[in-house]
Amino acid sequence: PIYQSGVLVGFAKITRDITERYDAQNKLIDAERELVQAQKAEAIGKLTFGLAHDFNNLLAVIVNSIDMVAMQPEATPKIKRLLETGLGAAERGALLTRQLLGFAQGQKLAPEPHDLNVLLSRSEDLYRRGAGSSITLKLTLGEDLPMVLVDATQFEAAIFNLVSNSRDAMNRGGNIRIGTSLVKAKHPTQLEGDARGLVCVSVSDTGTGMSEEVLRRSAEPFFTTKEVGKGSGLGLSQVFGFAAQSGGFASIESELGKGSAIHLCLPPLGD
């Protein structure tokens, strides 16, 4: 209050704009949360790598033993059918092991220079079959994108995983868009430094979306909201592991009731 000769004549106040500080604090909180998740994933990844490696060795012995028994002349048709069942189970175990190694960034990659637009176009029919007849899948490919160093087979598997997740989030049909673009971005855990140019593939859908709690845990291995037996919970974690092993990163945007978008960002060749 301002008084003059004992009479209140007005008020004075000081206003500070703290918008910039508020935004910076929010970004710091988000980055710290991403860092905690990354550290948790790294710790789980180290444990998973050791287990998957040992399990893979055991599966190799099982598969070889089944093959040798099946080659024996006294193996009857009934025995061979039983052996085929055992072999099928072992192969499913091997697939699970590959997914675990993908999350743990322990899978062997064979990266080569590729145009991501070409890879996506080449596998478009596969993605459409994976999406199903009730879902419209559209490719929106950016122009003049630089080449990237990537394992084509694992890249195809990663995108197929994302398409499958989107399909499962749309029981009554919907739309999936696979898009590519050249963007400037920083790793979600990076606080300092400048953004760099990255070639990004985005798979977005009009599905159910995720709550904040589910979104925070979505990339954790074995975490799934699907019914028992309908998902291993390794799809997204495998994509995140592949992105990191390829020198890039993956990120998720989602809003409950509006859909999700997963971005797989990789450094251009020579970066």
Protein backbone atom coordinates (compact mmCIF):
# COMPACT_ATOMS: atom_id res chain seq x y z
CA PRO A 1 0.00 0.00 0.00
CA ILE A 2 1.08 3.58 -0.70
CA TYR A 3 0.07 6.26 1.77
CA GLN A 4 0.35 10.02 1.42
CA SER A 5 -0.20 12.14 4.53
CA GLY A 6 -1.77 9.11 6.17
CA VAL A 7 -4.19 8.57 3.30
CA LEU A 8 -4.14 5.42 1.16
CA VAL A 9 -3.53 6.61 -2.39
CA GLY A 10 -2.69 3.35 -4.18
CA PHE A 11 -0.81 0.10 -4.34
CA ALA A 12 2.50 -0.96 -5.82
CA LYS A 13 3.54 -4.49 -6.73
CA ILE A 14 6.35 -6.31 -8.47
CA THR A 15 5.45 -9.05 -10.96
CA ARG A 16 7.98 -11.56 -12.20
CA ASP A 17 7.39 -13.74 -15.23
CA ILE A 18 8.55 -17.23 -14.20
CA THR A 19 7.24 -18.98 -17.30
CA GLU A 20 10.71 -19.74 -18.58
CA ARG A 21 11.84 -21.10 -15.20
CA TYR A 22 8.65 -23.17 -14.91
CA ASP A 23 9.15 -24.67 -18.37
CA ALA A 24 12.79 -25.43 -17.59
CA GLN A 25 11.83 -27.19 -14.36
CA ASN A 26 9.23 -29.29 -16.17
CA LYS A 27 11.77 -30.28 -18.83
CA LEU A 28 14.24 -31.22 -16.10
CA ILE A 29 11.64 -33.38 -14.34
CA ASP A 30 10.77 -35.12 -17.63
CA ALA A 31 14.44 -35.72 -18.45
CA GLU A 32 15.11 -37.09 -14.95
CA ARG A 33 12.14 -39.46 -15.31
CA GLU A 34 13.44 -40.63 -18.69
CA LEU A 35 16.91 -41.12 -17.19
CA VAL A 36 15.55 -43.24 -14.34
CA GLN A 37 13.66 -45.39 -16.85
CA ALA A 38 16.78 -45.72 -19.00
CA GLN A 39 18.90 -46.76 -16.00
CA LYS A 40 16.25 -49.26 -14.93
CA ALA A 41 16.09 -50.68 -18.45
CA GLU A 42 19.89 -50.92 -18.58
CA ALA A 43 20.02 -52.86 -15.31
CA ILE A 44 17.27 -55.25 -16.42
CA GLY A 45 18.95 -55.53 -19.81
CA LYS A 46 22.25 -56.72 -18.32
CA LEU A 47 20.45 -59.41 -16.33
CA THR A 48 18.31 -60.38 -19.33
CA PHE A 49 21.33 -60.68 -21.63
CA GLY A 50 23.03 -63.22 -19.37
CA LEU A 51 19.88 -65.29 -18.94
CA ALA A 52 19.00 -65.20 -22.64
CA HIS A 53 22.51 -66.20 -23.66
CA ASP A 54 22.53 -69.24 -21.33
CA PHE A 55 18.98 -70.18 -22.31
CA ASN A 56 19.92 -69.99 -25.98
CA ASN A 57 22.79 -72.43 -25.42
CA LEU A 58 20.44 -74.88 -23.69
CA LEU A 59 17.95 -74.60 -26.55
CA ALA A 60 20.68 -75.39 -29.06
CA VAL A 61 21.41 -78.66 -27.24
CA ILE A 62 17.69 -79.51 -27.13
CA VAL A 63 17.15 -78.80 -30.84
CA ASN A 64 20.22 -80.78 -31.87
CA SER A 65 19.14 -83.72 -29.70
CA ILE A 66 15.64 -83.72 -31.21
CA ASP A 67 17.11 -83.66 -34.72
CA MET A 68 19.39 -86.59 -33.94
CA VAL A 69 16.56 -88.69 -32.47
CA ALA A 70 14.34 -87.94 -35.48
CA MET A 71 17.08 -89.28 -37.78
CA GLN A 72 17.18 -92.66 -36.07
CA PRO A 73 15.73 -95.50 -38.22
CA GLU A 74 13.63 -96.84 -35.32
CA ALA A 75 11.77 -93.51 -34.94
CA THR A 76 8.14 -94.32 -35.70
CA PRO A 77 5.69 -91.80 -37.22
CA LYS A 78 4.17 -91.28 -33.76
CA ILE A 79 7.57 -90.56 -32.25
CA LYS A 80 8.37 -88.16 -35.09
CA ARG A 81 5.13 -86.24 -34.47
CA LEU A 82 6.05 -85.88 -30.81
CA LEU A 83 9.52 -84.73 -31.80
CA GLU A 84 8.02 -82.14 -34.18
CA THR A 85 5.93 -80.79 -31.31
CA GLY A 86 9.02 -80.54 -29.14
CA LEU A 87 10.96 -78.87 -31.94
CA GLY A 88 8.19 -76.32 -32.43
CA ALA A 89 8.25 -75.44 -28.73
CA ALA A 90 12.05 -75.09 -28.85
CA GLU A 91 11.77 -72.76 -31.86
CA ARG A 92 9.25 -70.60 -30.02
CA GLY A 93 11.72 -70.48 -27.14
CA ALA A 94 14.42 -69.38 -29.57
CA LEU A 95 12.16 -66.60 -30.81
CA LEU A 96 11.61 -65.44 -27.24
CA THR A 97 15.36 -65.50 -26.70
CA ARG A 98 15.90 -63.30 -29.77
CA GLN A 99 13.35 -60.84 -28.40
CA LEU A 100 15.12 -60.81 -25.05
CA LEU A 101 18.46 -60.18 -26.74
CA GLY A 102 16.84 -57.42 -28.79
CA PHE A 103 15.75 -55.66 -25.62
CA ALA A 104 19.12 -56.22 -23.96
CA GLN A 105 20.90 -54.85 -27.07
CA GLY A 106 22.74 -58.14 -27.32
CA GLN A 107 21.48 -59.33 -30.70
CA LYS A 108 23.95 -59.48 -33.57
CA LEU A 109 23.13 -56.80 -36.10
CA ALA A 110 24.30 -56.63 -39.70
CA PRO A 111 23.91 -52.91 -40.44
CA GLU A 112 24.22 -51.67 -44.01
CA PRO A 113 23.41 -48.35 -45.70
CA HIS A 114 19.69 -48.19 -46.49
CA ASP A 115 17.01 -45.78 -47.59
CA LEU A 116 14.26 -46.26 -44.99
CA ASN A 117 11.61 -45.29 -47.53
CA VAL A 118 12.72 -48.17 -49.75
CA LEU A 119 12.69 -50.63 -46.83
CA LEU A 120 9.19 -49.55 -45.78
CA SER A 121 7.80 -49.68 -49.31
CA ARG A 122 9.30 -53.11 -49.84
CA SER A 123 7.59 -54.46 -46.71
CA GLU A 124 4.30 -52.59 -47.14
CA ASP A 125 2.33 -55.75 -47.99
CA LEU A 126 3.67 -57.47 -44.87
CA TYR A 127 2.55 -54.55 -42.70
CA ARG A 128 -0.89 -54.50 -44.31
CA ARG A 129 -1.38 -58.20 -43.61
CA GLY A 130 -0.23 -57.64 -40.05
CA ALA A 131 -2.69 -54.77 -39.59
CA GLY A 132 -5.65 -56.83 -40.77
CA SER A 133 -8.55 -56.15 -43.11
CA SER A 134 -10.48 -53.91 -40.69
CA ILE A 135 -7.66 -51.36 -40.43
CA THR A 136 -6.52 -48.83 -43.01
CA LEU A 137 -2.73 -48.56 -43.22
CA LYS A 138 -1.14 -45.61 -45.00
CA LEU A 139 2.48 -44.78 -45.76
CA THR A 140 3.45 -41.10 -45.71
CA LEU A 141 7.08 -40.97 -46.76
CA GLY A 142 9.24 -37.86 -46.64
CA GLU A 143 11.34 -36.83 -49.62
CA ASP A 144 15.13 -36.69 -50.02
CA LEU A 145 15.90 -38.44 -46.75
CA PRO A 146 19.55 -39.34 -46.11
CA MET A 147 20.62 -42.97 -45.91
CA VAL A 148 20.98 -44.66 -42.53
CA LEU A 149 23.13 -47.53 -41.32
CA VAL A 150 20.67 -50.19 -40.17
CA ASP A 151 20.01 -53.92 -40.11
CA ALA A 152 17.18 -54.27 -42.64
CA THR A 153 15.75 -57.49 -41.17
CA GLN A 154 15.64 -56.18 -37.60
CA PHE A 155 14.23 -52.86 -38.81
CA GLU A 156 11.39 -54.69 -40.58
CA ALA A 157 10.74 -56.72 -37.41
CA ALA A 158 10.66 -53.56 -35.28
CA ILE A 159 8.14 -51.81 -37.53
CA PHE A 160 6.03 -54.97 -37.71
CA ASN A 161 5.99 -55.07 -33.90
CA LEU A 162 4.72 -51.49 -33.81
CA VAL A 163 2.04 -52.20 -36.42
CA SER A 164 0.91 -55.25 -34.46
CA ASN A 165 0.67 -53.21 -31.25
CA SER A 166 -1.39 -50.58 -33.05
CA ARG A 167 -3.68 -53.25 -34.46
CA ASP A 168 -4.26 -54.73 -31.01
CA ALA A 169 -5.27 -51.28 -29.73
CA MET A 170 -8.08 -51.03 -32.31
CA ASN A 171 -10.55 -53.87 -31.84
CA ARG A 172 -13.16 -52.11 -33.97
CA GLY A 173 -10.89 -51.00 -36.77
CA GLY A 174 -9.15 -47.70 -37.34
CA ASN A 175 -6.16 -46.14 -39.04
CA ILE A 176 -2.42 -46.72 -38.88
CA ARG A 177 0.01 -44.28 -40.45
CA ILE A 178 3.68 -45.03 -41.06
CA GLY A 179 5.55 -41.84 -41.81
CA THR A 180 9.17 -40.80 -42.31
CA SER A 181 10.79 -37.42 -41.84
CA LEU A 182 14.06 -35.67 -41.16
CA VAL A 183 13.88 -33.91 -37.80
CA LYS A 184 16.17 -32.17 -35.34
CA ALA A 185 15.92 -33.75 -31.93
CA LYS A 186 17.82 -34.67 -28.79
CA HIS A 187 17.72 -37.96 -26.92
CA PRO A 188 14.93 -37.80 -24.29
CA THR A 189 17.53 -38.05 -21.49
CA GLN A 190 19.84 -35.39 -23.00
CA LEU A 191 19.78 -32.08 -21.15
CA GLU A 192 22.82 -30.36 -22.60
CA GLY A 193 23.99 -29.94 -26.18
CA ASP A 194 22.26 -29.16 -29.43
CA ALA A 195 19.65 -31.19 -31.25
CA ARG A 196 20.97 -33.20 -34.18
CA GLY A 197 19.49 -34.26 -37.48
CA LEU A 198 17.79 -37.67 -37.32
CA VAL A 199 15.80 -39.78 -39.75
CA CYS A 200 12.62 -40.74 -37.91
CA VAL A 201 9.97 -43.35 -38.65
CA SER A 202 6.68 -42.76 -36.86
CA VAL A 203 3.95 -45.36 -36.47
CA SER A 204 0.74 -43.72 -35.24
CA ASP A 205 -2.75 -45.08 -34.72
CA THR A 206 -6.26 -44.07 -33.75
CA GLY A 207 -6.49 -46.69 -31.02
CA THR A 208 -7.34 -46.59 -27.34
CA GLY A 209 -4.17 -44.79 -26.29
CA MET A 210 -2.46 -45.19 -22.92
CA SER A 211 -2.91 -43.75 -19.48
CA GLU A 212 0.05 -41.91 -17.94
CA GLU A 213 0.87 -44.91 -15.74
CA VAL A 214 0.82 -47.35 -18.67
CA LEU A 215 2.83 -44.91 -20.81
CA ARG A 216 5.57 -44.70 -18.16
CA ARG A 217 5.93 -48.49 -18.08
CA SER A 218 5.23 -49.25 -21.74
CA ALA A 219 8.87 -49.92 -22.72
CA GLU A 220 9.59 -52.16 -19.74
CA PRO A 221 10.25 -55.80 -20.68
CA PHE A 222 7.38 -58.19 -19.93
CA PHE A 223 4.98 -55.34 -19.16
CA THR A 224 1.74 -55.79 -21.08
CA THR A 225 -1.91 -54.84 -20.71
CA LYS A 226 -2.99 -57.77 -22.92
CA GLU A 227 -4.59 -60.91 -21.62
CA VAL A 228 -2.38 -63.78 -20.50
CA GLY A 229 -1.12 -65.68 -23.52
CA LYS A 230 -1.78 -62.84 -25.97
CA GLY A 231 1.42 -60.91 -25.56
CA SER A 232 4.94 -61.37 -24.17
CA GLY A 233 5.40 -57.72 -23.24
CA LEU A 234 8.62 -57.62 -25.25
CA GLY A 235 7.46 -55.86 -28.43
CA LEU A 236 8.15 -52.25 -27.44
CA SER A 237 11.20 -53.06 -25.34
CA GLN A 238 12.66 -54.86 -28.36
CA VAL A 239 12.06 -51.77 -30.52
CA PHE A 240 13.72 -49.52 -27.92
CA GLY A 241 16.68 -51.91 -27.69
CA PHE A 242 17.07 -52.05 -31.46
CA ALA A 243 16.95 -48.24 -31.74
CA ALA A 244 19.62 -47.81 -29.06
CA GLN A 245 21.85 -50.51 -30.57
CA SER A 246 21.54 -48.75 -33.95
CA GLY A 247 22.80 -45.46 -32.48
CA GLY A 248 19.42 -43.77 -32.12
CA PHE A 249 16.46 -43.87 -29.79
CA ALA A 250 12.72 -44.47 -29.66
CA SER A 251 10.03 -42.40 -27.97
CA ILE A 252 6.31 -42.67 -27.37
CA GLU A 253 3.46 -40.18 -27.41
CA SER A 254 0.02 -41.31 -26.32
CA GLU A 255 -3.26 -39.95 -25.01
CA LEU A 256 -5.97 -42.11 -23.55
CA GLY A 257 -8.86 -42.43 -25.97
CA LYS A 258 -7.03 -40.68 -28.83
CA GLY A 259 -4.29 -43.06 -29.93
CA SER A 260 -0.53 -43.45 -29.81
CA ALA A 261 2.55 -42.62 -31.86
CA ILE A 262 5.92 -44.33 -31.57
CA HIS A 263 8.93 -42.62 -33.11
CA LEU A 264 12.03 -44.59 -34.11
CA CYS A 265 14.84 -42.10 -34.76
CA LEU A 266 18.19 -43.08 -36.30
CA PRO A 267 21.28 -41.03 -37.19
CA PRO A 268 21.92 -40.43 -40.89
CA LEU A 269 24.84 -42.19 -42.53
CA GLY A 270 28.13 -40.49 -41.75
CA ASP A 271 26.79 -38.61 -38.74
